[in-house]
Amino acid sequence: MGNNTRGKRVFAGHPHIYANICFIFAGNKQMMAKDISQIRRDYRGRFLNKEAAGHDPIAFFNQWFDEALHAEVLDANAMTLATVGEDGRPDGRIVLLKGVEEGKFIFYTNYQSKKGRDLAANPVASLTFYYKELDRQIRVDGRVSKCTAATSDAYFKTRPLKSRIGAWVSPQSQPIPSRFYLMRKFAAYGLQTMGKTVERPPFWGGYALTPDHLEFWQGRPNRLHDRINFRLVNGAWEVERLSP
């Protein structure tokens, strides 16, 4: 008796389970057959030089961000936020940029989350934007400080109601017993605040990263990428080309 026949008999009466298991095993076999080291593509981005980047990296960031929006890059404001904890270990996660104000990069989160604790211990961070559709990457490094309460309040009021409730009920980065536990808290808080204004929690708010380094990376053929690097030196931006 073949393996398929035995499997069908074991899951007799549950054909959907049998089909799902077969699909999973087939997918795993396909993945294992793929040599990860041979996954590559050539980049065909536009030429980038120091003259095109200019002398103001914030203005050039805004230009590239607008071009990403025009190209309909999905989640153009998504960025990897890298922090370092008190134990010296790096950590990274995707967050959303919510503004570039007075040369500072703004994002919001729970101050008691892992990233919040990291930033309390080491108030420096690195941001990375990746625009696959344009073969572009932007790195932004600098010191981080909390936004004012007024700034955080103003942004919080613009969030959808359910997102505001979520900020209150989610003990971000803390272990919880189940998703049902979280949804029950969400429903209870929603009933409790029905018809009321949901204000910003004191443990939730904005951060502003003040950059002292930005790098603009443009993918080019033969791995000879263009890299234009800005460094803040004595209050002025210095620009240089880096080897790929």
C-alpha atoms as a PDB file:
ATOM      1  CA  MET A   1       0.000   0.000   0.000  1.00  0.00           C
ATOM      2  CA  GLY A   2       1.458   3.393  -1.008  1.00  0.00           C
ATOM      3  CA  ASN A   3       2.015   6.261   1.396  1.00  0.00           C
ATOM      4  CA  ASN A   4      -0.712   8.341  -0.245  1.00  0.00           C
ATOM      5  CA  THR A   5      -3.265   5.556   0.206  1.00  0.00           C
ATOM      6  CA  ARG A   6      -2.382   5.116   3.891  1.00  0.00           C
ATOM      7  CA  GLY A   7      -2.594   8.876   4.427  1.00  0.00           C
ATOM      8  CA  LYS A   8      -5.999   9.085   2.824  1.00  0.00           C
ATOM      9  CA  ARG A   9      -7.279   6.262   5.044  1.00  0.00           C
ATOM     10  CA  VAL A  10      -5.904   7.885   8.238  1.00  0.00           C
ATOM     11  CA  PHE A  11      -7.624  11.172   7.428  1.00  0.00           C
ATOM     12  CA  ALA A  12     -10.793   9.615   6.023  1.00  0.00           C
ATOM     13  CA  GLY A  13     -13.638  11.994   6.659  1.00  0.00           C
ATOM     14  CA  HIS A  14     -11.234  14.932   6.932  1.00  0.00           C
ATOM     15  CA  PRO A  15     -10.126  15.551   3.344  1.00  0.00           C
ATOM     16  CA  HIS A  16      -9.299  19.207   4.040  1.00  0.00           C
ATOM     17  CA  ILE A  17      -6.724  18.204   6.691  1.00  0.00           C
ATOM     18  CA  TYR A  18      -5.104  15.721   4.322  1.00  0.00           C
ATOM     19  CA  ALA A  19      -4.979  18.311   1.540  1.00  0.00           C
ATOM     20  CA  ASN A  20      -3.390  20.921   3.823  1.00  0.00           C
ATOM     21  CA  ILE A  21      -0.720  18.493   5.029  1.00  0.00           C
ATOM     22  CA  CYS A  22       0.120  17.518   1.452  1.00  0.00           C
ATOM     23  CA  PHE A  23       0.362  21.198   0.507  1.00  0.00           C
ATOM     24  CA  ILE A  24       2.714  21.964   3.423  1.00  0.00           C
ATOM     25  CA  PHE A  25       5.032  19.037   2.647  1.00  0.00           C
ATOM     26  CA  ALA A  26       5.088  19.917  -1.053  1.00  0.00           C
ATOM     27  CA  GLY A  27       5.957  23.529  -0.213  1.00  0.00           C
ATOM     28  CA  ASN A  28       8.750  22.494   2.162  1.00  0.00           C
ATOM     29  CA  LYS A  29      10.216  20.163  -0.447  1.00  0.00           C
ATOM     30  CA  GLN A  30      10.163  22.965  -2.991  1.00  0.00           C
ATOM     31  CA  MET A  31      11.831  25.395  -0.577  1.00  0.00           C
ATOM     32  CA  MET A  32      14.575  22.946   0.351  1.00  0.00           C
ATOM     33  CA  ALA A  33      15.297  22.366  -3.329  1.00  0.00           C
ATOM     34  CA  LYS A  34      16.006  26.101  -3.772  1.00  0.00           C
ATOM     35  CA  ASP A  35      19.655  27.070  -3.306  1.00  0.00           C
ATOM     36  CA  ILE A  36      19.447  30.304  -1.308  1.00  0.00           C
ATOM     37  CA  SER A  37      22.977  31.273  -2.314  1.00  0.00           C
ATOM     38  CA  GLN A  38      21.850  31.495  -5.956  1.00  0.00           C
ATOM     39  CA  ILE A  39      18.954  33.895  -5.383  1.00  0.00           C
ATOM     40  CA  ARG A  40      20.021  37.152  -6.984  1.00  0.00           C
ATOM     41  CA  ARG A  41      19.077  39.754  -9.531  1.00  0.00           C
ATOM     42  CA  ASP A  42      20.909  42.537 -11.304  1.00  0.00           C
ATOM     43  CA  TYR A  43      20.047  46.119 -10.395  1.00  0.00           C
ATOM     44  CA  ARG A  44      19.171  48.683 -13.056  1.00  0.00           C
ATOM     45  CA  GLY A  45      18.696  51.871 -11.054  1.00  0.00           C
ATOM     46  CA  ARG A  46      19.445  55.336 -12.344  1.00  0.00           C
ATOM     47  CA  PHE A  47      22.889  56.906 -12.019  1.00  0.00           C
ATOM     48  CA  LEU A  48      23.438  58.830  -8.769  1.00  0.00           C
ATOM     49  CA  ASN A  49      26.222  61.312  -8.058  1.00  0.00           C
ATOM     50  CA  LYS A  50      27.020  64.017  -5.505  1.00  0.00           C
ATOM     51  CA  GLU A  51      25.726  66.754  -7.789  1.00  0.00           C
ATOM     52  CA  ALA A  52      22.284  65.127  -7.975  1.00  0.00           C
ATOM     53  CA  ALA A  53      22.184  64.641  -4.197  1.00  0.00           C
ATOM     54  CA  GLY A  54      23.032  68.286  -3.548  1.00  0.00           C
ATOM     55  CA  HIS A  55      24.147  69.675  -0.205  1.00  0.00           C
ATOM     56  CA  ASP A  56      20.989  69.156   1.883  1.00  0.00           C
ATOM     57  CA  PRO A  57      20.372  65.472   2.737  1.00  0.00           C
ATOM     58  CA  ILE A  58      16.944  66.182   4.265  1.00  0.00           C
ATOM     59  CA  ALA A  59      15.766  67.837   1.042  1.00  0.00           C
ATOM     60  CA  PHE A  60      17.167  64.914  -0.951  1.00  0.00           C
ATOM     61  CA  PHE A  61      15.421  62.444   1.368  1.00  0.00           C
ATOM     62  CA  ASN A  62      12.141  64.261   0.757  1.00  0.00           C
ATOM     63  CA  GLN A  63      12.756  64.061  -2.994  1.00  0.00           C
ATOM     64  CA  TRP A  64      13.373  60.308  -2.893  1.00  0.00           C
ATOM     65  CA  PHE A  65      10.380  59.791  -0.586  1.00  0.00           C
ATOM     66  CA  ASP A  66       8.125  61.699  -3.009  1.00  0.00           C
ATOM     67  CA  GLU A  67       9.455  59.612  -5.886  1.00  0.00           C
ATOM     68  CA  ALA A  68       8.676  56.429  -3.923  1.00  0.00           C
ATOM     69  CA  LEU A  69       5.108  57.636  -3.394  1.00  0.00           C
ATOM     70  CA  HIS A  70       4.802  58.507  -7.097  1.00  0.00           C
ATOM     71  CA  ALA A  71       6.077  55.011  -7.984  1.00  0.00           C
ATOM     72  CA  GLU A  72       3.380  53.586  -5.662  1.00  0.00           C
ATOM     73  CA  VAL A  73       5.914  51.817  -3.472  1.00  0.00           C
ATOM     74  CA  LEU A  74       3.923  49.847  -0.899  1.00  0.00           C
ATOM     75  CA  ASP A  75       4.324  51.308   2.604  1.00  0.00           C
ATOM     76  CA  ALA A  76       6.880  53.897   1.512  1.00  0.00           C
ATOM     77  CA  ASN A  77       7.050  55.191   5.086  1.00  0.00           C
ATOM     78  CA  ALA A  78       7.958  51.763   6.503  1.00  0.00           C
ATOM     79  CA  MET A  79      11.459  51.678   7.957  1.00  0.00           C
ATOM     80  CA  THR A  80      13.638  49.348   9.977  1.00  0.00           C
ATOM     81  CA  LEU A  81      14.340  50.901  13.369  1.00  0.00           C
ATOM     82  CA  ALA A  82      17.538  49.503  14.887  1.00  0.00           C
ATOM     83  CA  THR A  83      18.284  50.090  18.566  1.00  0.00           C
ATOM     84  CA  VAL A  84      20.762  48.795  21.142  1.00  0.00           C
ATOM     85  CA  GLY A  85      19.625  47.550  24.541  1.00  0.00           C
ATOM     86  CA  GLU A  86      21.224  48.059  27.920  1.00  0.00           C
ATOM     87  CA  ASP A  87      22.914  44.678  27.464  1.00  0.00           C
ATOM     88  CA  GLY A  88      24.615  45.882  24.276  1.00  0.00           C
ATOM     89  CA  ARG A  89      22.574  43.640  21.991  1.00  0.00           C
ATOM     90  CA  PRO A  90      21.145  45.189  18.802  1.00  0.00           C
ATOM     91  CA  ASP A  91      17.478  44.811  17.923  1.00  0.00           C
ATOM     92  CA  GLY A  92      15.518  45.744  14.815  1.00  0.00           C
ATOM     93  CA  ARG A  93      11.881  45.999  13.790  1.00  0.00           C
ATOM     94  CA  ILE A  94       9.718  47.703  11.158  1.00  0.00           C
ATOM     95  CA  VAL A  95       7.931  50.889  12.224  1.00  0.00           C
ATOM     96  CA  LEU A  96       6.271  53.710  10.290  1.00  0.00           C
ATOM     97  CA  LEU A  97       7.717  57.159   9.724  1.00  0.00           C
ATOM     98  CA  LYS A  98       5.099  59.732  10.675  1.00  0.00           C
ATOM     99  CA  GLY A  99       6.830  62.914   9.634  1.00  0.00           C
ATOM    100  CA  VAL A 100      10.020  64.797   8.903  1.00  0.00           C
ATOM    101  CA  GLU A 101       9.807  67.993  10.921  1.00  0.00           C
ATOM    102  CA  GLU A 102      12.598  70.542  11.278  1.00  0.00           C
ATOM    103  CA  GLY A 103      15.023  67.961   9.957  1.00  0.00           C
ATOM    104  CA  LYS A 104      13.949  65.310  12.488  1.00  0.00           C
ATOM    105  CA  PHE A 105      12.444  61.898  11.700  1.00  0.00           C
ATOM    106  CA  ILE A 106       9.292  61.254  13.757  1.00  0.00           C
ATOM    107  CA  PHE A 107       7.769  57.928  14.823  1.00  0.00           C
ATOM    108  CA  TYR A 108       5.411  56.835  17.605  1.00  0.00           C
ATOM    109  CA  THR A 109       5.267  53.844  19.916  1.00  0.00           C
ATOM    110  CA  ASN A 110       4.723  52.572  23.437  1.00  0.00           C
ATOM    111  CA  TYR A 111       7.455  54.005  25.667  1.00  0.00           C
ATOM    112  CA  GLN A 112       7.433  50.780  27.726  1.00  0.00           C
ATOM    113  CA  SER A 113       8.005  48.542  24.703  1.00  0.00           C
ATOM    114  CA  LYS A 114      11.340  46.869  23.946  1.00  0.00           C
ATOM    115  CA  LYS A 115      12.314  49.697  21.616  1.00  0.00           C
ATOM    116  CA  GLY A 116      11.261  52.245  24.226  1.00  0.00           C
ATOM    117  CA  ARG A 117      13.430  50.579  26.870  1.00  0.00           C
ATOM    118  CA  ASP A 118      16.336  50.391  24.422  1.00  0.00           C
ATOM    119  CA  LEU A 119      16.060  54.091  23.638  1.00  0.00           C
ATOM    120  CA  ALA A 120      15.911  54.961  27.333  1.00  0.00           C
ATOM    121  CA  ALA A 121      19.196  53.097  27.860  1.00  0.00           C
ATOM    122  CA  ASN A 122      20.892  54.178  24.604  1.00  0.00           C
ATOM    123  CA  PRO A 123      19.177  57.158  22.928  1.00  0.00           C
ATOM    124  CA  VAL A 124      20.648  56.503  19.489  1.00  0.00           C
ATOM    125  CA  ALA A 125      19.110  54.632  16.575  1.00  0.00           C
ATOM    126  CA  SER A 126      19.439  53.792  12.904  1.00  0.00           C
ATOM    127  CA  LEU A 127      16.638  53.884  10.325  1.00  0.00           C
ATOM    128  CA  THR A 128      16.666  52.033   7.005  1.00  0.00           C
ATOM    129  CA  PHE A 129      14.204  52.568   4.151  1.00  0.00           C
ATOM    130  CA  TYR A 130      14.187  50.062   1.271  1.00  0.00           C
ATOM    131  CA  TYR A 131      12.417  50.812  -1.998  1.00  0.00           C
ATOM    132  CA  LYS A 132      12.680  47.594  -4.002  1.00  0.00           C
ATOM    133  CA  GLU A 133      10.716  49.004  -6.928  1.00  0.00           C
ATOM    134  CA  LEU A 134      13.325  51.760  -7.367  1.00  0.00           C
ATOM    135  CA  ASP A 135      16.401  49.756  -6.309  1.00  0.00           C
ATOM    136  CA  ARG A 136      17.010  52.273  -3.539  1.00  0.00           C
ATOM    137  CA  GLN A 137      17.942  52.265   0.113  1.00  0.00           C
ATOM    138  CA  ILE A 138      18.300  55.115   2.611  1.00  0.00           C
ATOM    139  CA  ARG A 139      20.070  54.889   5.965  1.00  0.00           C
ATOM    140  CA  VAL A 140      19.587  57.514   8.666  1.00  0.00           C
ATOM    141  CA  ASP A 141      21.525  57.510  11.958  1.00  0.00           C
ATOM    142  CA  GLY A 142      21.320  59.863  14.915  1.00  0.00           C
ATOM    143  CA  ARG A 143      20.288  60.645  18.468  1.00  0.00           C
ATOM    144  CA  VAL A 144      16.720  60.131  19.605  1.00  0.00           C
ATOM    145  CA  SER A 145      14.607  62.141  22.025  1.00  0.00           C
ATOM    146  CA  LYS A 146      10.945  62.085  22.999  1.00  0.00           C
ATOM    147  CA  CYS A 147       8.541  64.442  21.275  1.00  0.00           C
ATOM    148  CA  THR A 148       6.674  66.956  23.385  1.00  0.00           C
ATOM    149  CA  ALA A 149       3.413  65.852  24.988  1.00  0.00           C
ATOM    150  CA  ALA A 150       1.573  68.383  22.812  1.00  0.00           C
ATOM    151  CA  THR A 151       3.042  66.849  19.627  1.00  0.00           C
ATOM    152  CA  SER A 152       2.151  63.319  20.745  1.00  0.00           C
ATOM    153  CA  ASP A 153      -1.376  64.402  21.772  1.00  0.00           C
ATOM    154  CA  ALA A 154      -1.989  66.079  18.424  1.00  0.00           C
ATOM    155  CA  TYR A 155      -0.930  62.973  16.467  1.00  0.00           C
ATOM    156  CA  PHE A 156      -2.816  60.559  18.738  1.00  0.00           C
ATOM    157  CA  LYS A 157      -6.072  62.390  18.033  1.00  0.00           C
ATOM    158  CA  THR A 158      -5.670  61.664  14.318  1.00  0.00           C
ATOM    159  CA  ARG A 159      -5.471  57.884  14.830  1.00  0.00           C
ATOM    160  CA  PRO A 160      -8.548  55.720  14.180  1.00  0.00           C
ATOM    161  CA  LEU A 161     -10.577  55.062  17.334  1.00  0.00           C
ATOM    162  CA  LYS A 162      -9.750  51.355  17.424  1.00  0.00           C
ATOM    163  CA  SER A 163      -6.030  52.112  17.149  1.00  0.00           C
ATOM    164  CA  ARG A 164      -6.330  54.517  20.082  1.00  0.00           C
ATOM    165  CA  ILE A 165      -8.057  51.807  22.129  1.00  0.00           C
ATOM    166  CA  GLY A 166      -5.361  49.332  21.090  1.00  0.00           C
ATOM    167  CA  ALA A 167      -2.674  51.632  22.474  1.00  0.00           C
ATOM    168  CA  TRP A 168      -4.319  51.469  25.900  1.00  0.00           C
ATOM    169  CA  VAL A 169      -4.961  47.722  26.102  1.00  0.00           C
ATOM    170  CA  SER A 170      -1.731  46.329  24.614  1.00  0.00           C
ATOM    171  CA  PRO A 171       1.188  45.939  27.080  1.00  0.00           C
ATOM    172  CA  GLN A 172       3.575  46.056  24.140  1.00  0.00           C
ATOM    173  CA  SER A 173       6.461  43.553  24.186  1.00  0.00           C
ATOM    174  CA  GLN A 174       5.149  41.894  27.371  1.00  0.00           C
ATOM    175  CA  PRO A 175       4.054  38.216  27.472  1.00  0.00           C
ATOM    176  CA  ILE A 176       0.281  37.654  27.420  1.00  0.00           C
ATOM    177  CA  PRO A 177      -1.636  34.387  27.964  1.00  0.00           C
ATOM    178  CA  SER A 178      -3.512  34.376  24.643  1.00  0.00           C
ATOM    179  CA  ARG A 179      -4.970  36.466  21.843  1.00  0.00           C
ATOM    180  CA  PHE A 180      -8.386  35.970  23.448  1.00  0.00           C
ATOM    181  CA  TYR A 181      -7.049  37.749  26.553  1.00  0.00           C
ATOM    182  CA  LEU A 182      -6.056  40.738  24.414  1.00  0.00           C
ATOM    183  CA  MET A 183      -9.333  40.851  22.470  1.00  0.00           C
ATOM    184  CA  ARG A 184     -11.335  40.624  25.683  1.00  0.00           C
ATOM    185  CA  LYS A 185      -9.427  43.641  27.067  1.00  0.00           C
ATOM    186  CA  PHE A 186     -10.008  45.461  23.783  1.00  0.00           C
ATOM    187  CA  ALA A 187     -13.754  44.813  23.867  1.00  0.00           C
ATOM    188  CA  ALA A 188     -14.043  45.765  27.544  1.00  0.00           C
ATOM    189  CA  TYR A 189     -12.165  49.033  27.078  1.00  0.00           C
ATOM    190  CA  GLY A 190     -14.237  49.822  23.999  1.00  0.00           C
ATOM    191  CA  LEU A 191     -17.454  49.454  26.023  1.00  0.00           C
ATOM    192  CA  GLN A 192     -15.993  51.434  28.912  1.00  0.00           C
ATOM    193  CA  THR A 193     -15.103  54.395  26.683  1.00  0.00           C
ATOM    194  CA  MET A 194     -18.115  54.277  24.373  1.00  0.00           C
ATOM    195  CA  GLY A 195     -19.216  57.819  23.572  1.00  0.00           C
ATOM    196  CA  LYS A 196     -16.120  59.265  25.248  1.00  0.00           C
ATOM    197  CA  THR A 197     -12.912  60.729  23.858  1.00  0.00           C
ATOM    198  CA  VAL A 198     -10.025  58.285  24.080  1.00  0.00           C
ATOM    199  CA  GLU A 199      -7.019  60.353  25.132  1.00  0.00           C
ATOM    200  CA  ARG A 200      -3.366  59.401  24.687  1.00  0.00           C
ATOM    201  CA  PRO A 201      -1.938  57.025  27.299  1.00  0.00           C
ATOM    202  CA  PRO A 202       0.932  58.578  29.281  1.00  0.00           C
ATOM    203  CA  PHE A 203       3.132  55.601  28.323  1.00  0.00           C
ATOM    204  CA  TRP A 204       2.659  56.145  24.573  1.00  0.00           C
ATOM    205  CA  GLY A 205       4.041  58.900  22.359  1.00  0.00           C
ATOM    206  CA  GLY A 206       6.488  60.119  19.784  1.00  0.00           C
ATOM    207  CA  TYR A 207      10.219  60.030  19.244  1.00  0.00           C
ATOM    208  CA  ALA A 208      12.314  62.341  17.088  1.00  0.00           C
ATOM    209  CA  LEU A 209      15.567  61.158  15.547  1.00  0.00           C
ATOM    210  CA  THR A 210      17.982  64.019  14.814  1.00  0.00           C
ATOM    211  CA  PRO A 211      20.277  62.713  12.070  1.00  0.00           C
ATOM    212  CA  ASP A 212      24.027  63.168  11.934  1.00  0.00           C
ATOM    213  CA  HIS A 213      24.500  60.688   9.095  1.00  0.00           C
ATOM    214  CA  LEU A 214      22.475  59.764   5.994  1.00  0.00           C
ATOM    215  CA  GLU A 215      23.435  57.438   3.165  1.00  0.00           C
ATOM    216  CA  PHE A 216      21.632  57.160  -0.174  1.00  0.00           C
ATOM    217  CA  TRP A 217      22.150  53.858  -1.975  1.00  0.00           C
ATOM    218  CA  GLN A 218      21.175  53.315  -5.606  1.00  0.00           C
ATOM    219  CA  GLY A 219      21.378  49.787  -6.992  1.00  0.00           C
ATOM    220  CA  ARG A 220      23.423  49.621 -10.219  1.00  0.00           C
ATOM    221  CA  PRO A 221      24.530  46.890 -12.660  1.00  0.00           C
ATOM    222  CA  ASN A 222      27.345  44.472 -11.798  1.00  0.00           C
ATOM    223  CA  ARG A 223      27.066  45.314  -8.078  1.00  0.00           C
ATOM    224  CA  LEU A 224      28.797  48.655  -8.761  1.00  0.00           C
ATOM    225  CA  HIS A 225      26.193  50.530  -6.748  1.00  0.00           C
ATOM    226  CA  ASP A 226      26.138  54.277  -6.171  1.00  0.00           C
ATOM    227  CA  ARG A 227      26.490  55.336  -2.519  1.00  0.00           C
ATOM    228  CA  ILE A 228      26.320  58.991  -1.531  1.00  0.00           C
ATOM    229  CA  ASN A 229      27.112  59.604   2.117  1.00  0.00           C
ATOM    230  CA  PHE A 230      26.334  62.678   4.245  1.00  0.00           C
ATOM    231  CA  ARG A 231      28.044  63.314   7.606  1.00  0.00           C
ATOM    232  CA  LEU A 232      27.356  66.188   9.965  1.00  0.00           C
ATOM    233  CA  VAL A 233      30.723  67.708  10.927  1.00  0.00           C
ATOM    234  CA  ASN A 234      30.868  70.829  13.125  1.00  0.00           C
ATOM    235  CA  GLY A 235      27.308  71.721  12.223  1.00  0.00           C
ATOM    236  CA  ALA A 236      27.765  71.403   8.444  1.00  0.00           C
ATOM    237  CA  TRP A 237      26.995  68.521   6.094  1.00  0.00           C
ATOM    238  CA  GLU A 238      29.914  66.907   4.312  1.00  0.00           C
ATOM    239  CA  VAL A 239      29.130  64.753   1.286  1.00  0.00           C
ATOM    240  CA  GLU A 240      31.244  61.962  -0.188  1.00  0.00           C
ATOM    241  CA  ARG A 241      30.942  58.999  -2.502  1.00  0.00           C
ATOM    242  CA  LEU A 242      31.510  55.559  -0.948  1.00  0.00           C
ATOM    243  CA  SER A 243      32.741  52.490  -2.754  1.00  0.00           C
ATOM    244  CA  PRO A 244      30.087  49.789  -3.101  1.00  0.00           C
END
